[in-house]
Full PDB file with SEQRES, HELIX, SHEET, SSBOND, CRYST1, ORIGX, SCALE, CONECT and MASTER records, all heavy atoms in Angstrom:
SEQRES   1 A   43  SER LEU LYS PRO GLU ASP THR ALA VAL TYR TYR CYS ALA          
SEQRES   2 A   43  ALA ASP ARG VAL THR SER SER ARG THR VAL ARG THR GLY          
SEQRES   3 A   43  PRO SER SER TYR ASP TYR TRP GLY GLN GLY THR GLN VAL          
SEQRES   4 A   43  THR VAL SER SER                                              
HELIX    1 AA1 PRO A    4  ASP A    6  5                                   3    
HELIX    2 AA2 PRO A   27  SER A   29  5                                   3    
SHEET    1 AA1 2 ALA A   8  TYR A  10  0                                        
SHEET    2 AA1 2 THR A  37  VAL A  39 -1                                        
SHEET    1 AA2 2 ALA A  13  ALA A  14  0                                        
SHEET    2 AA2 2 TYR A  32  TRP A  33 -1                                        
CRYST1    1.000    1.000    1.000  90.00  90.00  90.00 P 1           1          
ORIGX1      1.000000  0.000000  0.000000        0.00000                         
ORIGX2      0.000000  1.000000  0.000000        0.00000                         
ORIGX3      0.000000  0.000000  1.000000        0.00000                         
SCALE1      1.000000  0.000000  0.000000        0.00000                         
SCALE2      0.000000  1.000000  0.000000        0.00000                         
SCALE3      0.000000  0.000000  1.000000        0.00000                         
ATOM      1  N   SER A   1     107.553  76.719 120.224  1.00  0.00           N  
ATOM      2  CA  SER A   1     107.017  75.754 119.245  1.00  0.00           C  
ATOM      3  C   SER A   1     107.627  75.987 117.868  1.00  0.00           C  
ATOM      4  O   SER A   1     106.923  76.063 116.858  1.00  0.00           O  
ATOM      5  CB  SER A   1     105.492  75.870 119.179  1.00  0.00           C  
ATOM      6  OG  SER A   1     104.908  75.648 120.444  1.00  0.00           O  
ATOM      7  N   LEU A   2     108.917  76.096 117.838  1.00  0.00           N  
ATOM      8  CA  LEU A   2     109.595  76.428 116.589  1.00  0.00           C  
ATOM      9  C   LEU A   2     109.447  75.330 115.546  1.00  0.00           C  
ATOM     10  O   LEU A   2     109.383  74.138 115.873  1.00  0.00           O  
ATOM     11  CB  LEU A   2     111.075  76.702 116.862  1.00  0.00           C  
ATOM     12  CG  LEU A   2     111.340  78.081 117.462  1.00  0.00           C  
ATOM     13  CD1 LEU A   2     112.705  78.123 118.127  1.00  0.00           C  
ATOM     14  CD2 LEU A   2     111.231  79.160 116.399  1.00  0.00           C  
ATOM     15  N   LYS A   3     109.388  75.772 114.302  1.00  0.00           N  
ATOM     16  CA  LYS A   3     109.234  74.884 113.156  1.00  0.00           C  
ATOM     17  C   LYS A   3     110.431  75.074 112.214  1.00  0.00           C  
ATOM     18  O   LYS A   3     111.032  76.147 112.197  1.00  0.00           O  
ATOM     19  CB  LYS A   3     107.948  75.214 112.406  1.00  0.00           C  
ATOM     20  CG  LYS A   3     106.685  75.185 113.253  1.00  0.00           C  
ATOM     21  CD  LYS A   3     105.481  75.653 112.445  1.00  0.00           C  
ATOM     22  CE  LYS A   3     104.225  75.654 113.291  1.00  0.00           C  
ATOM     23  NZ  LYS A   3     103.037  76.108 112.515  1.00  0.00           N  
ATOM     24  N   PRO A   4     110.734  74.071 111.412  1.00  0.00           N  
ATOM     25  CA  PRO A   4     111.837  74.236 110.453  1.00  0.00           C  
ATOM     26  C   PRO A   4     111.664  75.453 109.557  1.00  0.00           C  
ATOM     27  O   PRO A   4     112.651  76.097 109.188  1.00  0.00           O  
ATOM     28  CB  PRO A   4     111.801  72.924 109.656  1.00  0.00           C  
ATOM     29  CG  PRO A   4     111.253  71.928 110.623  1.00  0.00           C  
ATOM     30  CD  PRO A   4     110.231  72.681 111.428  1.00  0.00           C  
ATOM     31  N   GLU A   5     110.419  75.799 109.228  1.00  0.00           N  
ATOM     32  CA  GLU A   5     110.185  76.958 108.365  1.00  0.00           C  
ATOM     33  C   GLU A   5     110.454  78.286 109.062  1.00  0.00           C  
ATOM     34  O   GLU A   5     110.411  79.342 108.426  1.00  0.00           O  
ATOM     35  CB  GLU A   5     108.759  76.951 107.799  1.00  0.00           C  
ATOM     36  CG  GLU A   5     107.669  76.748 108.833  1.00  0.00           C  
ATOM     37  CD  GLU A   5     107.219  75.302 108.936  1.00  0.00           C  
ATOM     38  OE1 GLU A   5     108.099  74.390 108.946  1.00  0.00           O  
ATOM     39  OE2 GLU A   5     105.994  75.068 109.024  1.00  0.00           O  
ATOM     40  N   ASP A   6     110.750  78.262 110.352  1.00  0.00           N  
ATOM     41  CA  ASP A   6     111.159  79.476 111.056  1.00  0.00           C  
ATOM     42  C   ASP A   6     112.653  79.759 110.870  1.00  0.00           C  
ATOM     43  O   ASP A   6     113.144  80.806 111.318  1.00  0.00           O  
ATOM     44  CB  ASP A   6     110.865  79.359 112.552  1.00  0.00           C  
ATOM     45  CG  ASP A   6     109.380  79.295 112.852  1.00  0.00           C  
ATOM     46  OD1 ASP A   6     108.614  80.046 112.228  1.00  0.00           O  
ATOM     47  OD2 ASP A   6     108.992  78.467 113.706  1.00  0.00           O  
ATOM     48  N   THR A   7     113.354  78.844 110.240  1.00  0.00           N  
ATOM     49  CA  THR A   7     114.783  79.031 110.001  1.00  0.00           C  
ATOM     50  C   THR A   7     115.025  80.262 109.135  1.00  0.00           C  
ATOM     51  O   THR A   7     114.459  80.395 108.048  1.00  0.00           O  
ATOM     52  CB  THR A   7     115.381  77.790 109.316  1.00  0.00           C  
ATOM     53  OG1 THR A   7     115.291  76.686 110.212  1.00  0.00           O  
ATOM     54  CG2 THR A   7     116.831  78.019 108.942  1.00  0.00           C  
ATOM     55  N   ALA A   8     115.843  81.175 109.635  1.00  0.00           N  
ATOM     56  CA  ALA A   8     116.109  82.421 108.930  1.00  0.00           C  
ATOM     57  C   ALA A   8     117.129  83.239 109.729  1.00  0.00           C  
ATOM     58  O   ALA A   8     117.447  82.895 110.874  1.00  0.00           O  
ATOM     59  CB  ALA A   8     114.827  83.238 108.761  1.00  0.00           C  
ATOM     60  N   VAL A   9     117.588  84.302 109.124  1.00  0.00           N  
ATOM     61  CA  VAL A   9     118.313  85.326 109.861  1.00  0.00           C  
ATOM     62  C   VAL A   9     117.273  86.306 110.398  1.00  0.00           C  
ATOM     63  O   VAL A   9     116.427  86.787 109.637  1.00  0.00           O  
ATOM     64  CB  VAL A   9     119.331  86.067 108.981  1.00  0.00           C  
ATOM     65  CG1 VAL A   9     120.025  87.166 109.777  1.00  0.00           C  
ATOM     66  CG2 VAL A   9     120.361  85.083 108.421  1.00  0.00           C  
ATOM     67  N   TYR A  10     117.345  86.564 111.677  1.00  0.00           N  
ATOM     68  CA  TYR A  10     116.385  87.440 112.333  1.00  0.00           C  
ATOM     69  C   TYR A  10     117.048  88.787 112.614  1.00  0.00           C  
ATOM     70  O   TYR A  10     118.163  88.848 113.151  1.00  0.00           O  
ATOM     71  CB  TYR A  10     115.883  86.814 113.623  1.00  0.00           C  
ATOM     72  CG  TYR A  10     114.875  85.725 113.378  1.00  0.00           C  
ATOM     73  CD1 TYR A  10     115.265  84.484 112.877  1.00  0.00           C  
ATOM     74  CD2 TYR A  10     113.518  85.939 113.627  1.00  0.00           C  
ATOM     75  CE1 TYR A  10     114.338  83.488 112.620  1.00  0.00           C  
ATOM     76  CE2 TYR A  10     112.579  84.935 113.383  1.00  0.00           C  
ATOM     77  CZ  TYR A  10     112.991  83.727 112.877  1.00  0.00           C  
ATOM     78  OH  TYR A  10     112.074  82.742 112.618  1.00  0.00           O  
ATOM     79  N   TYR A  11     116.331  89.843 112.237  1.00  0.00           N  
ATOM     80  CA  TYR A  11     116.817  91.208 112.403  1.00  0.00           C  
ATOM     81  C   TYR A  11     115.873  92.006 113.288  1.00  0.00           C  
ATOM     82  O   TYR A  11     114.657  91.875 113.162  1.00  0.00           O  
ATOM     83  CB  TYR A  11     116.885  91.927 111.057  1.00  0.00           C  
ATOM     84  CG  TYR A  11     117.780  91.287 110.030  1.00  0.00           C  
ATOM     85  CD1 TYR A  11     117.296  90.312 109.168  1.00  0.00           C  
ATOM     86  CD2 TYR A  11     119.114  91.680 109.906  1.00  0.00           C  
ATOM     87  CE1 TYR A  11     118.115  89.735 108.206  1.00  0.00           C  
ATOM     88  CE2 TYR A  11     119.939  91.108 108.953  1.00  0.00           C  
ATOM     89  CZ  TYR A  11     119.432  90.131 108.108  1.00  0.00           C  
ATOM     90  OH  TYR A  11     120.245  89.567 107.157  1.00  0.00           O  
ATOM     91  N   CYS A  12     116.437  92.835 114.145  1.00  0.00           N  
ATOM     92  CA  CYS A  12     115.589  93.813 114.818  1.00  0.00           C  
ATOM     93  C   CYS A  12     115.782  95.162 114.138  1.00  0.00           C  
ATOM     94  O   CYS A  12     116.823  95.427 113.522  1.00  0.00           O  
ATOM     95  CB  CYS A  12     115.875  93.895 116.313  1.00  0.00           C  
ATOM     96  SG  CYS A  12     117.435  94.634 116.760  1.00  0.00           S  
ATOM     97  N   ALA A  13     114.773  95.995 114.250  1.00  0.00           N  
ATOM     98  CA  ALA A  13     114.791  97.286 113.586  1.00  0.00           C  
ATOM     99  C   ALA A  13     114.016  98.296 114.416  1.00  0.00           C  
ATOM    100  O   ALA A  13     113.085  97.940 115.140  1.00  0.00           O  
ATOM    101  CB  ALA A  13     114.182  97.172 112.186  1.00  0.00           C  
ATOM    102  N   ALA A  14     114.411  99.560 114.279  1.00  0.00           N  
ATOM    103  CA  ALA A  14     113.796 100.651 115.036  1.00  0.00           C  
ATOM    104  C   ALA A  14     113.123 101.629 114.088  1.00  0.00           C  
ATOM    105  O   ALA A  14     113.703 102.015 113.067  1.00  0.00           O  
ATOM    106  CB  ALA A  14     114.857 101.368 115.873  1.00  0.00           C  
ATOM    107  N   ASP A  15     111.935 102.042 114.449  1.00  0.00           N  
ATOM    108  CA  ASP A  15     111.104 102.939 113.626  1.00  0.00           C  
ATOM    109  C   ASP A  15     110.747 104.162 114.459  1.00  0.00           C  
ATOM    110  O   ASP A  15     110.007 104.051 115.439  1.00  0.00           O  
ATOM    111  CB  ASP A  15     109.853 102.181 113.182  1.00  0.00           C  
ATOM    112  CG  ASP A  15     108.935 102.998 112.310  1.00  0.00           C  
ATOM    113  OD1 ASP A  15     109.327 104.100 111.860  1.00  0.00           O  
ATOM    114  OD2 ASP A  15     107.805 102.531 112.058  1.00  0.00           O  
ATOM    115  N   ARG A  16     111.268 105.324 114.053  1.00  0.00           N  
ATOM    116  CA  ARG A  16     110.961 106.561 114.785  1.00  0.00           C  
ATOM    117  C   ARG A  16     109.541 106.968 114.451  1.00  0.00           C  
ATOM    118  O   ARG A  16     109.228 107.333 113.334  1.00  0.00           O  
ATOM    119  CB  ARG A  16     111.939 107.667 114.383  1.00  0.00           C  
ATOM    120  CG  ARG A  16     111.736 108.975 115.149  1.00  0.00           C  
ATOM    121  CD  ARG A  16     112.030 108.826 116.615  1.00  0.00           C  
ATOM    122  NE  ARG A  16     112.029 110.122 117.301  1.00  0.00           N  
ATOM    123  CZ  ARG A  16     110.956 110.649 117.881  1.00  0.00           C  
ATOM    124  NH1 ARG A  16     109.812 110.000 117.855  1.00  0.00           N  
ATOM    125  NH2 ARG A  16     111.054 111.821 118.466  1.00  0.00           N  
ATOM    126  N   VAL A  17     108.653 106.882 115.435  1.00  0.00           N  
ATOM    127  CA  VAL A  17     107.237 107.169 115.214  1.00  0.00           C  
ATOM    128  C   VAL A  17     106.803 108.298 116.140  1.00  0.00           C  
ATOM    129  O   VAL A  17     107.517 108.671 117.067  1.00  0.00           O  
ATOM    130  CB  VAL A  17     106.368 105.923 115.444  1.00  0.00           C  
ATOM    131  CG1 VAL A  17     106.697 104.845 114.419  1.00  0.00           C  
ATOM    132  CG2 VAL A  17     106.558 105.381 116.860  1.00  0.00           C  
ATOM    133  N   THR A  18     105.632 108.829 115.882  1.00  0.00           N  
ATOM    134  CA  THR A  18     105.135 109.965 116.655  1.00  0.00           C  
ATOM    135  C   THR A  18     103.968 109.607 117.559  1.00  0.00           C  
ATOM    136  O   THR A  18     103.419 110.464 118.232  1.00  0.00           O  
ATOM    137  CB  THR A  18     104.715 111.102 115.720  1.00  0.00           C  
ATOM    138  OG1 THR A  18     103.726 110.611 114.805  1.00  0.00           O  
ATOM    139  CG2 THR A  18     105.910 111.634 114.937  1.00  0.00           C  
ATOM    140  N   SER A  19     103.588 108.351 117.567  1.00  0.00           N  
ATOM    141  CA  SER A  19     102.486 107.915 118.409  1.00  0.00           C  
ATOM    142  C   SER A  19     102.830 106.571 119.032  1.00  0.00           C  
ATOM    143  O   SER A  19     103.429 105.710 118.377  1.00  0.00           O  
ATOM    144  CB  SER A  19     101.210 107.775 117.585  1.00  0.00           C  
ATOM    145  OG  SER A  19     100.217 107.074 118.313  1.00  0.00           O  
ATOM    146  N   SER A  20     102.419 106.414 120.270  1.00  0.00           N  
ATOM    147  CA  SER A  20     102.676 105.149 120.956  1.00  0.00           C  
ATOM    148  C   SER A  20     101.891 103.998 120.334  1.00  0.00           C  
ATOM    149  O   SER A  20     102.213 102.835 120.552  1.00  0.00           O  
ATOM    150  CB  SER A  20     102.328 105.267 122.440  1.00  0.00           C  
ATOM    151  OG  SER A  20     100.938 105.520 122.595  1.00  0.00           O  
ATOM    152  N   ARG A  21     100.866 104.343 119.555  1.00  0.00           N  
ATOM    153  CA  ARG A  21     100.028 103.292 118.964  1.00  0.00           C  
ATOM    154  C   ARG A  21     100.504 102.858 117.587  1.00  0.00           C  
ATOM    155  O   ARG A  21     100.001 101.887 117.032  1.00  0.00           O  
ATOM    156  CB  ARG A  21      98.584 103.785 118.853  1.00  0.00           C  
ATOM    157  CG  ARG A  21      97.934 104.081 120.181  1.00  0.00           C  
ATOM    158  CD  ARG A  21      96.479 104.477 120.007  1.00  0.00           C  
ATOM    159  NE  ARG A  21      95.832 104.747 121.297  1.00  0.00           N  
ATOM    160  CZ  ARG A  21      94.563 105.091 121.419  1.00  0.00           C  
ATOM    161  NH1 ARG A  21      93.790 105.210 120.355  1.00  0.00           N  
ATOM    162  NH2 ARG A  21      94.051 105.325 122.605  1.00  0.00           N  
ATOM    163  N   THR A  22     101.464 103.592 117.036  1.00  0.00           N  
ATOM    164  CA  THR A  22     101.899 103.289 115.674  1.00  0.00           C  
ATOM    165  C   THR A  22     102.813 102.072 115.645  1.00  0.00           C  
ATOM    166  O   THR A  22     103.835 102.036 116.323  1.00  0.00           O  
ATOM    167  CB  THR A  22     102.638 104.484 115.063  1.00  0.00           C  
ATOM    168  OG1 THR A  22     101.754 105.607 115.032  1.00  0.00           O  
ATOM    169  CG2 THR A  22     103.091 104.165 113.649  1.00  0.00           C  
ATOM    170  N   VAL A  23     102.415 101.101 114.835  1.00  0.00           N  
ATOM    171  CA  VAL A  23     103.227  99.916 114.600  1.00  0.00           C  
ATOM    172  C   VAL A  23     103.160  99.657 113.102  1.00  0.00           C  
ATOM    173  O   VAL A  23     102.075  99.414 112.572  1.00  0.00           O  
ATOM    174  CB  VAL A  23     102.687  98.700 115.382  1.00  0.00           C  
ATOM    175  CG1 VAL A  23     103.449  97.441 114.978  1.00  0.00           C  
ATOM    176  CG2 VAL A  23     102.802  98.935 116.871  1.00  0.00           C  
ATOM    177  N   ARG A  24     104.288  99.703 112.449  1.00  0.00           N  
ATOM    178  CA  ARG A  24     104.317  99.534 110.994  1.00  0.00           C  
ATOM    179  C   ARG A  24     104.980  98.216 110.632  1.00  0.00           C  
ATOM    180  O   ARG A  24     105.796  97.694 111.382  1.00  0.00           O  
ATOM    181  CB  ARG A  24     105.030 100.722 110.345  1.00  0.00           C  
ATOM    182  CG  ARG A  24     104.266 102.014 110.601  1.00  0.00           C  
ATOM    183  CD  ARG A  24     104.751 103.161 109.778  1.00  0.00           C  
ATOM    184  NE  ARG A  24     105.968 103.772 110.311  1.00  0.00           N  
ATOM    185  CZ  ARG A  24     106.298 105.026 110.113  1.00  0.00           C  
ATOM    186  NH1 ARG A  24     105.506 105.801 109.404  1.00  0.00           N  
ATOM    187  NH2 ARG A  24     107.427 105.516 110.600  1.00  0.00           N  
ATOM    188  N   THR A  25     104.614  97.714 109.473  1.00  0.00           N  
ATOM    189  CA  THR A  25     105.064  96.376 109.101  1.00  0.00           C  
ATOM    190  C   THR A  25     106.006  96.334 107.911  1.00  0.00           C  
ATOM    191  O   THR A  25     106.623  95.295 107.661  1.00  0.00           O  
ATOM    192  CB  THR A  25     103.848  95.479 108.798  1.00  0.00           C  
ATOM    193  OG1 THR A  25     103.116  96.047 107.706  1.00  0.00           O  
ATOM    194  CG2 THR A  25     102.933  95.371 110.011  1.00  0.00           C  
ATOM    195  N   GLY A  26     106.137  97.420 107.193  1.00  0.00           N  
ATOM    196  CA  GLY A  26     106.999  97.412 106.011  1.00  0.00           C  
ATOM    197  C   GLY A  26     108.436  97.721 106.370  1.00  0.00           C  
ATOM    198  O   GLY A  26     108.716  98.649 107.133  1.00  0.00           O  
ATOM    199  N   PRO A  27     109.381  96.953 105.839  1.00  0.00           N  
ATOM    200  CA  PRO A  27     110.793  97.191 106.158  1.00  0.00           C  
ATOM    201  C   PRO A  27     111.245  98.614 105.840  1.00  0.00           C  
ATOM    202  O   PRO A  27     112.096  99.166 106.555  1.00  0.00           O  
ATOM    203  CB  PRO A  27     111.537  96.173 105.285  1.00  0.00           C  
ATOM    204  CG  PRO A  27     110.548  95.088 105.044  1.00  0.00           C  
ATOM    205  CD  PRO A  27     109.216  95.756 104.982  1.00  0.00           C  
ATOM    206  N   SER A  28     110.673  99.223 104.814  1.00  0.00           N  
ATOM    207  CA  SER A  28     111.115 100.557 104.423  1.00  0.00           C  
ATOM    208  C   SER A  28     110.746 101.628 105.439  1.00  0.00           C  
ATOM    209  O   SER A  28     111.275 102.741 105.404  1.00  0.00           O  
ATOM    210  CB  SER A  28     110.535 100.927 103.056  1.00  0.00           C  
ATOM    211  OG  SER A  28     109.121 100.941 103.113  1.00  0.00           O  
ATOM    212  N   SER A  29     109.862 101.304 106.360  1.00  0.00           N  
ATOM    213  CA  SER A  29     109.467 102.266 107.395  1.00  0.00           C  
ATOM    214  C   SER A  29     110.496 102.368 108.514  1.00  0.00           C  
ATOM    215  O   SER A  29     110.466 103.320 109.288  1.00  0.00           O  
ATOM    216  CB  SER A  29     108.123 101.865 107.998  1.00  0.00           C  
ATOM    217  OG  SER A  29     107.099 101.887 107.024  1.00  0.00           O  
ATOM    218  N   TYR A  30     111.359 101.391 108.604  1.00  0.00           N  
ATOM    219  CA  TYR A  30     112.285 101.317 109.720  1.00  0.00           C  
ATOM    220  C   TYR A  30     113.597 102.028 109.408  1.00  0.00           C  
ATOM    221  O   TYR A  30     114.140 101.910 108.309  1.00  0.00           O  
ATOM    222  CB  TYR A  30     112.513  99.851 110.104  1.00  0.00           C  
ATOM    223  CG  TYR A  30     111.303  99.288 110.808  1.00  0.00           C  
ATOM    224  CD1 TYR A  30     110.147  98.975 110.097  1.00  0.00           C  
ATOM    225  CD2 TYR A  30     111.307  99.101 112.179  1.00  0.00           C  
ATOM    226  CE1 TYR A  30     109.023  98.498 110.754  1.00  0.00           C  
ATOM    227  CE2 TYR A  30     110.198  98.611 112.835  1.00  0.00           C  
ATOM    228  CZ  TYR A  30     109.050  98.324 112.114  1.00  0.00           C  
ATOM    229  OH  TYR A  30     107.933  97.848 112.767  1.00  0.00           O  
ATOM    230  N   ASP A  31     114.076 102.749 110.411  1.00  0.00           N  
ATOM    231  CA  ASP A  31     115.219 103.623 110.216  1.00  0.00           C  
ATOM    232  C   ASP A  31     116.566 102.965 110.530  1.00  0.00           C  
ATOM    233  O   ASP A  31     117.579 103.308 109.928  1.00  0.00           O  
ATOM    234  CB  ASP A  31     115.070 104.868 111.106  1.00  0.00           C  
ATOM    235  CG  ASP A  31     113.754 105.584 110.861  1.00  0.00           C  
ATOM    236  OD1 ASP A  31     113.565 106.098 109.740  1.00  0.00           O  
ATOM    237  OD2 ASP A  31     112.908 105.616 111.776  1.00  0.00           O  
ATOM    238  N   TYR A  32     116.572 102.083 111.488  1.00  0.00           N  
ATOM    239  CA  TYR A  32     117.821 101.475 111.934  1.00  0.00           C  
ATOM    240  C   TYR A  32     117.652  99.958 112.015  1.00  0.00           C  
ATOM    241  O   TYR A  32     116.584  99.468 112.410  1.00  0.00           O  
ATOM    242  CB  TYR A  32     118.227 102.016 113.316  1.00  0.00           C  
ATOM    243  CG  TYR A  32     118.398 103.523 113.333  1.00  0.00           C  
ATOM    244  CD1 TYR A  32     117.400 104.332 113.863  1.00  0.00           C  
ATOM    245  CD2 TYR A  32     119.539 104.113 112.808  1.00  0.00           C  
ATOM    246  CE1 TYR A  32     117.537 105.717 113.866  1.00  0.00           C  
ATOM    247  CE2 TYR A  32     119.678 105.483 112.814  1.00  0.00           C  
ATOM    248  CZ  TYR A  32     118.685 106.280 113.344  1.00  0.00           C  
ATOM    249  OH  TYR A  32     118.826 107.642 113.344  1.00  0.00           O  
ATOM    250  N   TRP A  33     118.741  99.263 111.686  1.00  0.00           N  
ATOM    251  CA  TRP A  33     118.720  97.805 111.641  1.00  0.00           C  
ATOM    252  C   TRP A  33     119.929  97.224 112.337  1.00  0.00           C  
ATOM    253  O   TRP A  33     121.022  97.814 112.303  1.00  0.00           O  
ATOM    254  CB  TRP A  33     118.728  97.326 110.179  1.00  0.00           C  
ATOM    255  CG  TRP A  33     117.483  97.636 109.443  1.00  0.00           C  
ATOM    256  CD1 TRP A  33     117.144  98.824 108.853  1.00  0.00           C  
ATOM    257  CD2 TRP A  33     116.378  96.758 109.230  1.00  0.00           C  
ATOM    258  NE1 TRP A  33     115.895  98.737 108.277  1.00  0.00           N  
ATOM    259  CE2 TRP A  33     115.403  97.471 108.495  1.00  0.00           C  
ATOM    260  CE3 TRP A  33     116.109  95.436 109.585  1.00  0.00           C  
ATOM    261  CZ2 TRP A  33     114.192  96.900 108.108  1.00  0.00           C  
ATOM    262  CZ3 TRP A  33     114.917  94.871 109.196  1.00  0.00           C  
ATOM    263  CH2 TRP A  33     113.963  95.602 108.462  1.00  0.00           C  
ATOM    264  N   GLY A  34     119.725  96.061 112.948  1.00  0.00           N  
ATOM    265  CA  GLY A  34     120.843  95.307 113.464  1.00  0.00           C  
ATOM    266  C   GLY A  34     121.459  94.448 112.377  1.00  0.00           C  
ATOM    267  O   GLY A  34     120.987  94.429 111.236  1.00  0.00           O  
ATOM    268  N   GLN A  35     122.496  93.720 112.747  1.00  0.00           N  
ATOM    269  CA  GLN A  35     123.222  92.891 111.787  1.00  0.00           C  
ATOM    270  C   GLN A  35     122.570  91.531 111.578  1.00  0.00           C  
ATOM    271  O   GLN A  35     122.877  90.838 110.603  1.00  0.00           O  
ATOM    272  CB  GLN A  35     124.664  92.696 112.256  1.00  0.00           C  
ATOM    273  CG  GLN A  35     125.471  93.978 112.221  1.00  0.00           C  
ATOM    274  CD  GLN A  35     125.579  94.552 110.825  1.00  0.00           C  
ATOM    275  OE1 GLN A  35     125.953  93.870 109.883  1.00  0.00           O  
ATOM    276  NE2 GLN A  35     125.232  95.832 110.681  1.00  0.00           N  
ATOM    277  N   GLY A  36     121.693  91.158 112.476  1.00  0.00           N  
ATOM    278  CA  GLY A  36     120.988  89.892 112.321  1.00  0.00           C  
ATOM    279  C   GLY A  36     121.602  88.769 113.126  1.00  0.00           C  
ATOM    280  O   GLY A  36     122.800  88.781 113.427  1.00  0.00           O  
ATOM    281  N   THR A  37     120.771  87.796 113.473  1.00  0.00           N  
ATOM    282  CA  THR A  37     121.229  86.601 114.166  1.00  0.00           C  
ATOM    283  C   THR A  37     120.545  85.393 113.540  1.00  0.00           C  
ATOM    284  O   THR A  37     119.341  85.424 113.257  1.00  0.00           O  
ATOM    285  CB  THR A  37     120.944  86.696 115.680  1.00  0.00           C  
ATOM    286  OG1 THR A  37     121.492  85.559 116.349  1.00  0.00           O  
ATOM    287  CG2 THR A  37     119.445  86.775 115.979  1.00  0.00           C  
ATOM    288  N   GLN A  38     121.322  84.353 113.310  1.00  0.00           N  
ATOM    289  CA  GLN A  38     120.804  83.162 112.628  1.00  0.00           C  
ATOM    290  C   GLN A  38     120.046  82.271 113.605  1.00  0.00           C  
ATOM    291  O   GLN A  38     120.538  81.970 114.695  1.00  0.00           O  
ATOM    292  CB  GLN A  38     121.949  82.372 112.010  1.00  0.00           C  
ATOM    293  CG  GLN A  38     121.536  81.062 111.357  1.00  0.00           C  
ATOM    294  CD  GLN A  38     120.787  81.261 110.057  1.00  0.00           C  
ATOM    295  OE1 GLN A  38     121.191  82.068 109.218  1.00  0.00           O  
ATOM    296  NE2 GLN A  38     119.692  80.523 109.864  1.00  0.00           N  
ATOM    297  N   VAL A  39     118.873  81.858 113.180  1.00  0.00           N  
ATOM    298  CA  VAL A  39     118.110  80.846 113.910  1.00  0.00           C  
ATOM    299  C   VAL A  39     117.888  79.680 112.957  1.00  0.00           C  
ATOM    300  O   VAL A  39     117.339  79.863 111.865  1.00  0.00           O  
ATOM    301  CB  VAL A  39     116.754  81.393 114.405  1.00  0.00           C  
ATOM    302  CG1 VAL A  39     115.938  80.272 115.039  1.00  0.00           C  
ATOM    303  CG2 VAL A  39     116.971  82.519 115.415  1.00  0.00           C  
ATOM    304  N   THR A  40     118.324  78.507 113.362  1.00  0.00           N  
ATOM    305  CA  THR A  40     118.164  77.310 112.559  1.00  0.00           C  
ATOM    306  C   THR A  40     117.375  76.292 113.353  1.00  0.00           C  
ATOM    307  O   THR A  40     117.762  75.938 114.468  1.00  0.00           O  
ATOM    308  CB  THR A  40     119.519  76.722 112.152  1.00  0.00           C  
ATOM    309  OG1 THR A  40     120.277  77.707 111.439  1.00  0.00           O  
ATOM    310  CG2 THR A  40     119.332  75.502 111.270  1.00  0.00           C  
ATOM    311  N   VAL A  41     116.264  75.850 112.779  1.00  0.00           N  
ATOM    312  CA  VAL A  41     115.399  74.873 113.433  1.00  0.00           C  
ATOM    313  C   VAL A  41     115.519  73.554 112.686  1.00  0.00           C  
ATOM    314  O   VAL A  41     115.180  73.471 111.501  1.00  0.00           O  
ATOM    315  CB  VAL A  41     113.940  75.352 113.461  1.00  0.00           C  
ATOM    316  CG1 VAL A  41     113.081  74.363 114.255  1.00  0.00           C  
ATOM    317  CG2 VAL A  41     113.838  76.747 114.063  1.00  0.00           C  
ATOM    318  N   SER A  42     115.980  72.542 113.382  1.00  0.00           N  
ATOM    319  CA  SER A  42     116.157  71.237 112.755  1.00  0.00           C  
ATOM    320  C   SER A  42     114.920  70.375 112.977  1.00  0.00           C  
ATOM    321  O   SER A  42     114.262  70.455 114.017  1.00  0.00           O  
ATOM    322  CB  SER A  42     117.380  70.533 113.334  1.00  0.00           C  
ATOM    323  OG  SER A  42     117.202  70.302 114.719  1.00  0.00           O  
ATOM    324  N   SER A  43     114.634  69.547 111.977  1.00  0.00           N  
ATOM    325  CA  SER A  43     113.440  68.696 112.081  1.00  0.00           C  
ATOM    326  C   SER A  43     113.752  67.373 112.755  1.00  0.00           C  
ATOM    327  O   SER A  43     114.891  67.033 113.000  1.00  0.00           O  
ATOM    328  CB  SER A  43     112.867  68.448 110.687  1.00  0.00           C  
ATOM    329  OG  SER A  43     113.843  67.880 109.859  1.00  0.00           O  
TER     330      SER A  43                                                      
MASTER        0    0    0    2    4    0    0    6  329    1    0    4          
END                                                                             
């Protein structure tokens, strides 16, 4: 159900954590990043 406002470069990132339950939301918490892939949603 993509929307035009979803248009962006999408990046995946890896966060070395010590618990299986830990999920962090701040970019600064992530250690490794991909180069990104463009997603463009046309109206």
